[in-house]
Every structure is written in C-alpha cells, then in structure tokens.
Amino acid sequence: MNSELADHLPKALAESKLLPALKSLDLSKGTMGSVGARALLDARSAFQHLESISVDENFLDDVTLEELRELGPTILETEQKEDDLSIPGEVHRYVSMAE
C-alpha cells in the first residue's frame, strides 16, 4: 500500500513464500501502472487463492482493470489517478499519501 515500487511488487510477491499465507493483498494508493498489472496477470496462478486484491488509487486504465477483474480474486479498484504531465515531456506518478 502507498508504494512507489508498486510496479515491482507483484513479481516479487508471486515468488515469495509469504504469499500463500495471505487472504487479501492491498496494493492501493501507489504508482502501479500496466507493468505491475501485467506482472499480476502473468503470475495469475500465484494469486488465485486470494479473496481480494486492492488496486485503488493507482494509475491503471480501463482495459487493464477489465483484465484484472478476470484474474480470479475480487479486484477493488474504485478510483484511479492520472499521470502528472505538468512538465512538458515528463510523466510523473505519486503515491496517494506523502509527507
């Protein structure tokens, strides 16, 4: 939750010995985009046992969210953020809660 590394967490979690002990996974309020979502989808069998995965307040588009809904666990995805394009030629993403 609230991680700047949200695109990297799904791959690491899929390979973790701790994942089977979890009932739900909260990846909300982070900077996850298509890279993290693709990692979840590519390792779908590792996440099948979960009751829910929260991806609220990330940077996922409608097509990606639709793919995630077919993953198996309930996908909590009520709101997504938009990339910050305020600096020409640059894309910035921020966690939801920062100092």
Protein backbone atom coordinates (compact mmCIF):
# COMPACT_ATOMS: atom_id res chain seq x y z
CA MET A 1 0.00 0.00 0.00
CA ASN A 2 1.15 3.54 -0.88
CA SER A 3 4.31 2.28 -2.56
CA GLU A 4 6.45 4.00 -5.17
CA LEU A 5 7.59 0.48 -6.13
CA ALA A 6 4.09 -0.78 -6.89
CA ASP A 7 5.03 -1.92 -10.40
CA HIS A 8 7.72 -4.18 -8.93
CA LEU A 9 5.78 -5.68 -6.01
CA PRO A 10 3.58 -8.20 -7.87
CA LYS A 11 6.54 -10.06 -9.39
CA ALA A 12 8.35 -10.18 -6.04
CA LEU A 13 5.20 -11.29 -4.23
CA ALA A 14 4.48 -14.02 -6.78
CA GLU A 15 7.86 -15.56 -5.93
CA SER A 16 7.51 -15.02 -2.16
CA LYS A 17 6.96 -17.81 0.35
CA LEU A 18 4.69 -15.42 2.27
CA LEU A 19 2.06 -15.05 -0.46
CA PRO A 20 0.27 -18.37 0.24
CA ALA A 21 -0.40 -17.20 3.82
CA LEU A 22 -2.26 -14.09 2.68
CA LYS A 23 -6.03 -13.86 2.22
CA SER A 24 -6.00 -10.42 0.62
CA LEU A 25 -3.46 -8.08 -0.91
CA ASP A 26 -3.53 -4.29 -0.68
CA LEU A 27 -1.60 -2.58 -3.48
CA SER A 28 -3.66 0.60 -3.26
CA LYS A 29 -2.55 4.25 -3.22
CA GLY A 30 0.66 3.51 -5.13
CA THR A 31 2.19 4.15 -8.52
CA MET A 32 1.19 0.91 -10.25
CA GLY A 33 0.61 1.06 -13.96
CA SER A 34 0.49 -1.53 -16.71
CA VAL A 35 3.85 -3.08 -15.72
CA GLY A 36 2.62 -4.11 -12.27
CA ALA A 37 -0.76 -5.21 -13.60
CA ARG A 38 0.92 -7.36 -16.26
CA ALA A 39 3.05 -9.00 -13.54
CA LEU A 40 -0.13 -9.87 -11.63
CA LEU A 41 -1.70 -11.33 -14.75
CA ASP A 42 1.42 -13.24 -15.79
CA ALA A 43 1.61 -14.90 -12.35
CA ARG A 44 -2.15 -15.39 -12.01
CA SER A 45 -1.82 -18.87 -10.52
CA ALA A 46 0.18 -17.48 -7.58
CA PHE A 47 -2.64 -15.04 -6.73
CA GLN A 48 -5.66 -17.32 -7.35
CA HIS A 49 -6.12 -18.19 -3.68
CA LEU A 50 -6.62 -14.56 -2.60
CA GLU A 51 -10.08 -13.32 -1.72
CA SER A 52 -9.31 -9.78 -2.92
CA ILE A 53 -6.63 -7.54 -4.36
CA SER A 54 -6.96 -3.78 -3.90
CA VAL A 55 -5.54 -1.60 -6.66
CA ASP A 56 -7.47 1.56 -5.69
CA GLU A 57 -5.75 4.87 -6.40
CA ASN A 58 -3.09 3.66 -8.81
CA PHE A 59 -2.55 4.51 -12.49
CA LEU A 60 -4.47 1.75 -14.27
CA ASP A 61 -6.55 2.28 -17.40
CA ASP A 62 -9.97 0.76 -18.05
CA VAL A 63 -8.65 -2.01 -20.33
CA THR A 64 -6.11 -3.14 -17.73
CA LEU A 65 -8.73 -3.05 -14.96
CA GLU A 66 -11.01 -5.24 -17.06
CA GLU A 67 -8.20 -7.78 -17.47
CA LEU A 68 -7.54 -7.73 -13.71
CA ARG A 69 -11.24 -8.37 -12.98
CA GLU A 70 -10.83 -11.70 -14.76
CA LEU A 71 -7.86 -12.69 -12.57
CA GLY A 72 -9.98 -14.58 -10.02
CA PRO A 73 -9.88 -12.68 -6.73
CA THR A 74 -12.21 -9.71 -6.24
CA ILE A 75 -10.44 -6.62 -7.59
CA LEU A 76 -11.06 -3.46 -5.58
CA GLU A 77 -10.49 -0.57 -7.97
CA THR A 78 -12.90 2.24 -7.23
CA GLU A 79 -10.67 5.15 -8.26
CA GLN A 80 -7.57 5.61 -10.39
CA LYS A 81 -5.19 8.55 -10.65
CA GLU A 82 -3.93 10.31 -13.78
CA ASP A 83 -0.29 10.76 -14.73
CA ASP A 84 1.11 14.19 -13.84
CA LEU A 85 2.05 15.76 -17.18
CA SER A 86 2.60 19.28 -15.83
CA ILE A 87 6.24 19.32 -17.02
CA PRO A 88 6.38 19.04 -20.82
CA GLY A 89 7.97 15.78 -21.95
CA GLU A 90 7.90 14.19 -18.49
CA VAL A 91 5.49 11.80 -16.78
CA HIS A 92 5.35 11.73 -13.01
CA ARG A 93 3.45 9.46 -10.65
CA TYR A 94 2.99 9.98 -6.95
CA VAL A 95 1.77 7.87 -4.07
CA SER A 96 -1.52 8.99 -2.53
CA MET A 97 -0.15 9.81 0.91
CA ALA A 98 3.22 11.51 1.24
CA GLU A 99 4.88 13.81 3.72
